């Protein structure tokens, strides 16, 4: 995939990007800051890496979510990740 080659992403980087994209309180700006990928590139990477059914669920969840965009966030939200967020390993959400 062009994005993986362009940014020379390793599998650990891809897993972390997917994890950050699933987190409700992690804005796309944080992914851009850490990995250099734009929101459009993150969406493309997610579509390439995920099962189509899961990608559709993720897109429905992310679209219009104010916490995924730093400019739209409430100023009271100071952290990127919720303490209750499940960890994602191997592109799968682990159970608690």
N, C-alpha and C. Protein backbone atom coordinates (compact mmCIF):
# COMPACT_ATOMS: atom_id res chain seq x y z
N UNK A 1 0.84 -1.18 0.00
CA UNK A 1 0.00 0.00 0.00
C UNK A 1 0.89 1.24 0.00
N UNK A 2 0.48 2.26 -0.68
CA UNK A 2 1.28 3.46 -0.84
C UNK A 2 1.56 4.18 0.47
N UNK A 3 0.58 4.25 1.35
CA UNK A 3 0.76 4.96 2.63
C UNK A 3 1.81 4.26 3.48
N UNK A 4 1.75 2.94 3.55
CA UNK A 4 2.71 2.18 4.34
C UNK A 4 4.12 2.39 3.80
N UNK A 5 4.26 2.39 2.49
CA UNK A 5 5.56 2.61 1.87
C UNK A 5 6.01 4.05 2.03
N UNK A 6 5.09 4.99 1.85
CA UNK A 6 5.42 6.42 1.93
C UNK A 6 5.96 6.79 3.30
N UNK A 7 5.33 6.29 4.35
CA UNK A 7 5.72 6.62 5.72
C UNK A 7 6.61 5.55 6.36
N UNK A 8 6.93 4.51 5.61
CA UNK A 8 7.77 3.40 6.08
C UNK A 8 7.27 2.87 7.42
N UNK A 9 5.98 2.52 7.45
CA UNK A 9 5.34 2.06 8.67
C UNK A 9 5.63 0.58 8.91
N UNK A 10 5.98 0.27 10.13
CA UNK A 10 6.17 -1.12 10.55
C UNK A 10 4.83 -1.64 11.08
N UNK A 11 4.73 -2.94 11.30
CA UNK A 11 3.47 -3.51 11.77
C UNK A 11 3.08 -2.95 13.13
N UNK A 12 4.05 -2.67 14.00
CA UNK A 12 3.76 -2.07 15.30
C UNK A 12 3.18 -0.66 15.13
N UNK A 13 3.69 0.09 14.16
CA UNK A 13 3.17 1.43 13.89
C UNK A 13 1.74 1.36 13.38
N UNK A 14 1.47 0.43 12.50
CA UNK A 14 0.12 0.26 11.95
C UNK A 14 -0.85 -0.11 13.06
N UNK A 15 -0.44 -1.02 13.94
CA UNK A 15 -1.30 -1.41 15.07
C UNK A 15 -1.59 -0.22 15.96
N UNK A 16 -0.58 0.61 16.22
CA UNK A 16 -0.76 1.78 17.08
C UNK A 16 -1.68 2.82 16.42
N UNK A 17 -1.53 3.02 15.12
CA UNK A 17 -2.41 3.95 14.40
C UNK A 17 -3.85 3.47 14.47
N UNK A 18 -4.07 2.18 14.27
CA UNK A 18 -5.42 1.62 14.34
C UNK A 18 -5.97 1.78 15.75
N UNK A 19 -5.14 1.53 16.74
CA UNK A 19 -5.57 1.70 18.13
C UNK A 19 -5.96 3.15 18.41
N UNK A 20 -5.15 4.08 17.97
CA UNK A 20 -5.44 5.50 18.18
C UNK A 20 -6.70 5.93 17.43
N UNK A 21 -6.90 5.38 16.24
CA UNK A 21 -8.09 5.73 15.45
C UNK A 21 -9.36 5.21 16.13
N UNK A 22 -9.29 4.06 16.80
CA UNK A 22 -10.46 3.52 17.48
C UNK A 22 -10.77 4.27 18.77
N UNK A 23 -9.77 4.85 19.39
CA UNK A 23 -9.98 5.56 20.66
C UNK A 23 -10.85 6.79 20.44
N UNK A 24 -11.88 6.93 21.23
CA UNK A 24 -12.80 8.05 21.08
C UNK A 24 -12.15 9.40 21.33
N UNK A 25 -11.27 9.46 22.28
CA UNK A 25 -10.71 10.75 22.69
C UNK A 25 -9.38 11.09 22.02
N UNK A 26 -8.91 10.26 21.14
CA UNK A 26 -7.67 10.56 20.42
C UNK A 26 -8.02 11.25 19.11
N UNK A 27 -7.67 12.53 18.98
CA UNK A 27 -8.00 13.24 17.73
C UNK A 27 -7.08 12.81 16.59
N UNK A 28 -7.55 13.02 15.38
CA UNK A 28 -6.72 12.72 14.21
C UNK A 28 -5.44 13.55 14.24
N UNK A 29 -5.50 14.73 14.87
CA UNK A 29 -4.32 15.59 14.97
C UNK A 29 -3.18 14.90 15.74
N UNK A 30 -3.52 14.08 16.73
CA UNK A 30 -2.51 13.35 17.49
C UNK A 30 -1.82 12.31 16.61
N UNK A 31 -2.59 11.67 15.73
CA UNK A 31 -2.01 10.69 14.81
C UNK A 31 -1.11 11.41 13.81
N UNK A 32 -1.56 12.57 13.34
CA UNK A 32 -0.75 13.37 12.41
C UNK A 32 0.55 13.80 13.08
N UNK A 33 0.46 14.24 14.32
CA UNK A 33 1.63 14.69 15.06
C UNK A 33 2.63 13.56 15.26
N UNK A 34 2.15 12.38 15.62
CA UNK A 34 3.04 11.26 15.92
C UNK A 34 3.55 10.53 14.68
N UNK A 35 2.69 10.35 13.67
CA UNK A 35 3.06 9.52 12.52
C UNK A 35 3.11 10.28 11.20
N UNK A 36 2.53 11.48 11.15
CA UNK A 36 2.56 12.28 9.93
C UNK A 36 1.42 12.00 8.96
N UNK A 37 0.51 11.10 9.29
CA UNK A 37 -0.61 10.77 8.41
C UNK A 37 -1.74 11.78 8.57
N UNK A 38 -2.32 12.21 7.47
CA UNK A 38 -3.48 13.09 7.52
C UNK A 38 -4.71 12.26 7.86
N UNK A 39 -5.82 12.94 8.16
CA UNK A 39 -7.07 12.23 8.45
C UNK A 39 -7.48 11.35 7.27
N UNK A 40 -7.36 11.87 6.07
CA UNK A 40 -7.71 11.11 4.87
C UNK A 40 -6.85 9.85 4.74
N UNK A 41 -5.56 9.97 5.05
CA UNK A 41 -4.66 8.81 4.97
C UNK A 41 -4.98 7.79 6.05
N UNK A 42 -5.36 8.25 7.24
CA UNK A 42 -5.75 7.33 8.31
C UNK A 42 -6.99 6.54 7.88
N UNK A 43 -7.95 7.24 7.30
CA UNK A 43 -9.17 6.57 6.82
C UNK A 43 -8.83 5.53 5.76
N UNK A 44 -7.94 5.88 4.85
CA UNK A 44 -7.51 4.94 3.79
C UNK A 44 -6.79 3.74 4.39
N UNK A 45 -5.91 3.98 5.36
CA UNK A 45 -5.18 2.90 6.02
C UNK A 45 -6.15 1.97 6.76
N UNK A 46 -7.11 2.56 7.46
CA UNK A 46 -8.09 1.75 8.19
C UNK A 46 -8.89 0.89 7.22
N UNK A 47 -9.28 1.46 6.10
CA UNK A 47 -10.05 0.70 5.11
C UNK A 47 -9.24 -0.47 4.56
N UNK A 48 -7.95 -0.25 4.36
CA UNK A 48 -7.07 -1.29 3.81
C UNK A 48 -6.81 -2.40 4.84
N UNK A 49 -6.66 -2.03 6.10
CA UNK A 49 -6.24 -2.97 7.14
C UNK A 49 -7.39 -3.72 7.81
N UNK A 50 -8.60 -3.18 7.74
CA UNK A 50 -9.71 -3.77 8.49
C UNK A 50 -10.64 -4.57 7.60
N UNK A 51 -11.36 -5.47 8.24
CA UNK A 51 -12.44 -6.20 7.57
C UNK A 51 -13.51 -5.19 7.20
N UNK A 52 -14.12 -5.30 6.01
CA UNK A 52 -15.10 -4.30 5.57
C UNK A 52 -16.22 -4.02 6.58
N UNK A 53 -16.71 -5.03 7.24
CA UNK A 53 -17.78 -4.84 8.23
C UNK A 53 -17.30 -3.97 9.39
N UNK A 54 -16.09 -4.25 9.88
CA UNK A 54 -15.53 -3.47 10.98
C UNK A 54 -15.20 -2.04 10.54
N UNK A 55 -14.75 -1.89 9.30
CA UNK A 55 -14.44 -0.55 8.80
C UNK A 55 -15.72 0.30 8.75
N UNK A 56 -16.81 -0.29 8.30
CA UNK A 56 -18.08 0.44 8.25
C UNK A 56 -18.53 0.86 9.65
N UNK A 57 -18.35 -0.02 10.62
CA UNK A 57 -18.69 0.32 12.00
C UNK A 57 -17.82 1.47 12.50
N UNK A 58 -16.53 1.41 12.20
CA UNK A 58 -15.61 2.46 12.62
C UNK A 58 -15.97 3.80 11.98
N UNK A 59 -16.24 3.80 10.67
CA UNK A 59 -16.59 5.04 9.97
C UNK A 59 -17.87 5.65 10.53
N UNK A 60 -18.86 4.81 10.80
CA UNK A 60 -20.11 5.32 11.38
C UNK A 60 -19.86 5.92 12.76
N UNK A 61 -18.95 5.32 13.50
CA UNK A 61 -18.63 5.79 14.85
C UNK A 61 -17.86 7.11 14.81
N UNK A 62 -16.95 7.27 13.87
CA UNK A 62 -16.05 8.42 13.83
C UNK A 62 -16.69 9.64 13.16
N UNK A 63 -17.53 9.43 12.18
CA UNK A 63 -18.09 10.56 11.44
C UNK A 63 -18.88 11.47 12.36
N UNK A 64 -18.51 12.73 12.35
CA UNK A 64 -19.21 13.73 13.14
C UNK A 64 -18.86 13.75 14.61
N UNK A 65 -17.96 12.90 15.04
CA UNK A 65 -17.57 12.84 16.46
C UNK A 65 -16.63 14.01 16.75
N UNK A 66 -17.05 14.87 17.64
CA UNK A 66 -16.26 16.08 17.90
C UNK A 66 -14.94 15.79 18.59
N UNK A 67 -14.84 14.70 19.34
CA UNK A 67 -13.59 14.41 20.05
C UNK A 67 -12.49 13.93 19.12
N UNK A 68 -12.82 13.55 17.89
CA UNK A 68 -11.81 13.10 16.93
C UNK A 68 -11.15 14.27 16.20
N UNK A 69 -11.66 15.48 16.42
CA UNK A 69 -11.12 16.66 15.77
C UNK A 69 -10.79 17.68 16.85
N UNK A 70 -9.53 18.02 17.00
CA UNK A 70 -9.08 18.90 18.08
C UNK A 70 -9.79 20.25 18.04
N UNK A 71 -10.06 20.77 16.87
CA UNK A 71 -10.71 22.08 16.75
C UNK A 71 -12.15 22.05 17.26
N UNK A 72 -12.80 20.90 17.21
CA UNK A 72 -14.19 20.77 17.63
C UNK A 72 -14.33 20.30 19.07
N UNK A 73 -13.23 19.92 19.70
CA UNK A 73 -13.27 19.37 21.05
C UNK A 73 -13.67 20.39 22.08
N UNK A 74 -14.31 19.92 23.12
CA UNK A 74 -14.59 20.74 24.27
C UNK A 74 -13.28 21.00 25.00
N UNK A 75 -13.06 22.18 25.49
CA UNK A 75 -11.80 22.52 26.16
C UNK A 75 -11.57 21.75 27.44
N UNK A 76 -12.61 21.13 27.98
CA UNK A 76 -12.47 20.34 29.20
C UNK A 76 -11.78 19.01 28.96
N UNK A 77 -11.76 18.52 27.73
CA UNK A 77 -11.13 17.25 27.41
C UNK A 77 -9.64 17.50 27.22
N UNK A 78 -8.84 17.01 28.16
CA UNK A 78 -7.40 17.28 28.13
C UNK A 78 -6.57 16.07 27.74
N UNK A 79 -7.12 14.87 27.85
CA UNK A 79 -6.32 13.68 27.56
C UNK A 79 -6.71 13.11 26.20
N UNK A 80 -5.81 12.31 25.64
CA UNK A 80 -6.06 11.67 24.36
C UNK A 80 -6.82 10.37 24.52
N UNK A 81 -6.54 9.62 25.58
CA UNK A 81 -7.08 8.27 25.69
C UNK A 81 -7.88 8.11 26.97
N UNK A 82 -9.00 7.49 26.85
CA UNK A 82 -9.82 7.17 28.02
C UNK A 82 -9.15 6.05 28.80
N UNK A 83 -9.21 6.13 30.11
CA UNK A 83 -8.64 5.07 30.95
C UNK A 83 -9.39 3.75 30.78
N UNK A 84 -10.62 3.81 30.32
CA UNK A 84 -11.44 2.61 30.15
C UNK A 84 -11.32 2.00 28.77
N UNK A 85 -10.54 2.62 27.89
CA UNK A 85 -10.41 2.14 26.52
C UNK A 85 -9.74 0.76 26.51
N UNK A 86 -10.30 -0.12 25.75
CA UNK A 86 -9.72 -1.47 25.62
C UNK A 86 -8.46 -1.40 24.78
N UNK A 87 -7.55 -2.30 25.04
CA UNK A 87 -6.33 -2.34 24.23
C UNK A 87 -6.60 -3.13 22.97
N UNK A 88 -5.92 -2.74 21.90
CA UNK A 88 -6.06 -3.40 20.61
C UNK A 88 -4.71 -4.00 20.23
N UNK A 89 -4.70 -5.30 20.01
CA UNK A 89 -3.48 -5.97 19.60
C UNK A 89 -3.78 -6.83 18.40
N UNK A 90 -2.90 -6.81 17.43
CA UNK A 90 -3.11 -7.60 16.24
C UNK A 90 -4.38 -7.20 15.50
N UNK A 91 -4.73 -5.92 15.57
CA UNK A 91 -5.91 -5.37 14.91
C UNK A 91 -7.22 -5.95 15.44
N UNK A 92 -7.19 -6.48 16.67
CA UNK A 92 -8.41 -7.00 17.29
C UNK A 92 -8.53 -6.41 18.69
N UNK A 93 -9.73 -6.13 19.07
CA UNK A 93 -9.98 -5.57 20.40
C UNK A 93 -9.98 -6.70 21.41
N UNK A 94 -9.14 -6.56 22.45
CA UNK A 94 -9.07 -7.60 23.47
C UNK A 94 -10.19 -7.41 24.48
N UNK A 95 -10.64 -8.50 25.04
CA UNK A 95 -11.70 -8.46 26.04
C UNK A 95 -11.09 -8.23 27.41
N UNK A 96 -11.86 -7.59 28.28
CA UNK A 96 -11.40 -7.39 29.66
C UNK A 96 -11.69 -8.60 30.48
